[in-house]
Amino acid sequence: MGNCFGVEPDASTAEDLEARREQQLQAAMKRRDDEENRGIKDAEGYKIRQEKKRKVEEEADKRGHVSQDTAMRWNVG
């Protein structure tokens, strides 16, 4: 295909594109992190509590116990 503007791409254009891609990647990662932590005052504390809860559930599964959240609930009436 031809070039409509008659300007040949040069090395600086490729470098500019690479820099722009890097900036876009960083911006996307920042948006993702902001969205994950949206509405959470203490994001690090929240992650620590999530990890502890996951470990407790894994240990309970190893011992054969069923947590209250996953136990069957019977409705009689």
Protein backbone atom coordinates (compact mmCIF):
# COMPACT_ATOMS: atom_id res chain seq x y z
CA MET A 1 0.00 0.00 0.00
CA GLY A 2 1.13 3.52 -0.65
CA ASN A 3 1.71 6.27 1.82
CA CYS A 4 -0.93 9.01 1.48
CA PHE A 5 1.27 11.73 2.96
CA GLY A 6 4.45 10.94 1.07
CA VAL A 7 6.50 10.74 4.26
CA GLU A 8 8.59 7.69 4.89
CA PRO A 9 8.53 6.34 8.45
CA ASP A 10 11.88 6.69 10.13
CA ALA A 11 13.53 5.28 13.25
CA SER A 12 12.35 8.14 15.49
CA THR A 13 8.72 7.34 14.61
CA ALA A 14 9.26 3.72 15.68
CA GLU A 15 10.81 4.92 18.95
CA ASP A 16 7.88 7.28 19.51
CA LEU A 17 5.45 4.42 18.94
CA GLU A 18 7.34 2.22 21.38
CA ALA A 19 7.32 4.99 24.02
CA ARG A 20 3.61 5.55 23.46
CA ARG A 21 2.87 1.84 23.83
CA GLU A 22 4.80 1.78 27.10
CA GLN A 23 2.84 4.78 28.39
CA GLN A 24 -0.45 3.14 27.39
CA LEU A 25 0.55 -0.07 29.16
CA GLN A 26 1.43 1.82 32.34
CA ALA A 27 -1.84 3.76 32.20
CA ALA A 28 -3.84 0.55 31.73
CA MET A 29 -2.12 -1.09 34.70
CA LYS A 30 -2.79 1.98 36.86
CA ARG A 31 -6.48 1.95 35.87
CA ARG A 32 -6.71 -1.76 36.71
CA ASP A 33 -5.12 -1.23 40.13
CA ASP A 34 -7.37 1.76 40.84
CA GLU A 35 -10.46 -0.25 39.89
CA GLU A 36 -9.42 -3.17 42.12
CA ASN A 37 -9.02 -0.86 45.11
CA ARG A 38 -12.07 1.28 44.44
CA GLY A 39 -14.09 1.86 47.58
CA ILE A 40 -11.52 0.25 49.88
CA LYS A 41 -9.87 2.56 52.40
CA ASP A 42 -7.09 0.16 53.42
CA ALA A 43 -6.33 -1.84 50.27
CA GLU A 44 -3.26 -3.56 51.73
CA GLY A 45 -5.13 -4.58 54.89
CA TYR A 46 -7.98 -5.89 52.78
CA LYS A 47 -5.60 -8.07 50.75
CA ILE A 48 -4.02 -9.41 53.96
CA ARG A 49 -7.46 -10.30 55.40
CA GLN A 50 -8.44 -11.99 52.12
CA GLU A 51 -5.24 -14.08 52.19
CA LYS A 52 -5.79 -15.11 55.82
CA LYS A 53 -9.37 -16.11 55.06
CA ARG A 54 -8.22 -18.18 52.08
CA LYS A 55 -5.60 -19.97 54.21
CA VAL A 56 -8.14 -20.77 56.93
CA GLU A 57 -10.51 -22.22 54.34
CA GLU A 58 -7.72 -24.33 52.81
CA GLU A 59 -6.80 -25.73 56.23
CA ALA A 60 -10.44 -26.52 56.95
CA ASP A 61 -10.73 -28.34 53.63
CA LYS A 62 -7.63 -30.38 54.44
CA ARG A 63 -9.14 -31.40 57.78
CA GLY A 64 -12.46 -32.25 56.14
CA HIS A 65 -14.53 -29.55 57.79
CA VAL A 66 -17.20 -27.67 55.90
CA SER A 67 -17.32 -23.93 56.48
CA GLN A 68 -20.59 -22.25 57.43
CA ASP A 69 -20.76 -20.44 54.10
CA THR A 70 -20.70 -23.65 52.06
CA ALA A 71 -22.74 -25.90 54.38
CA MET A 72 -26.13 -27.11 53.19
CA ARG A 73 -29.01 -25.22 54.69
CA TRP A 74 -32.30 -26.93 55.24
CA ASN A 75 -35.51 -25.00 55.19
CA VAL A 76 -38.29 -26.82 56.96
CA GLY A 77 -41.72 -25.41 56.97
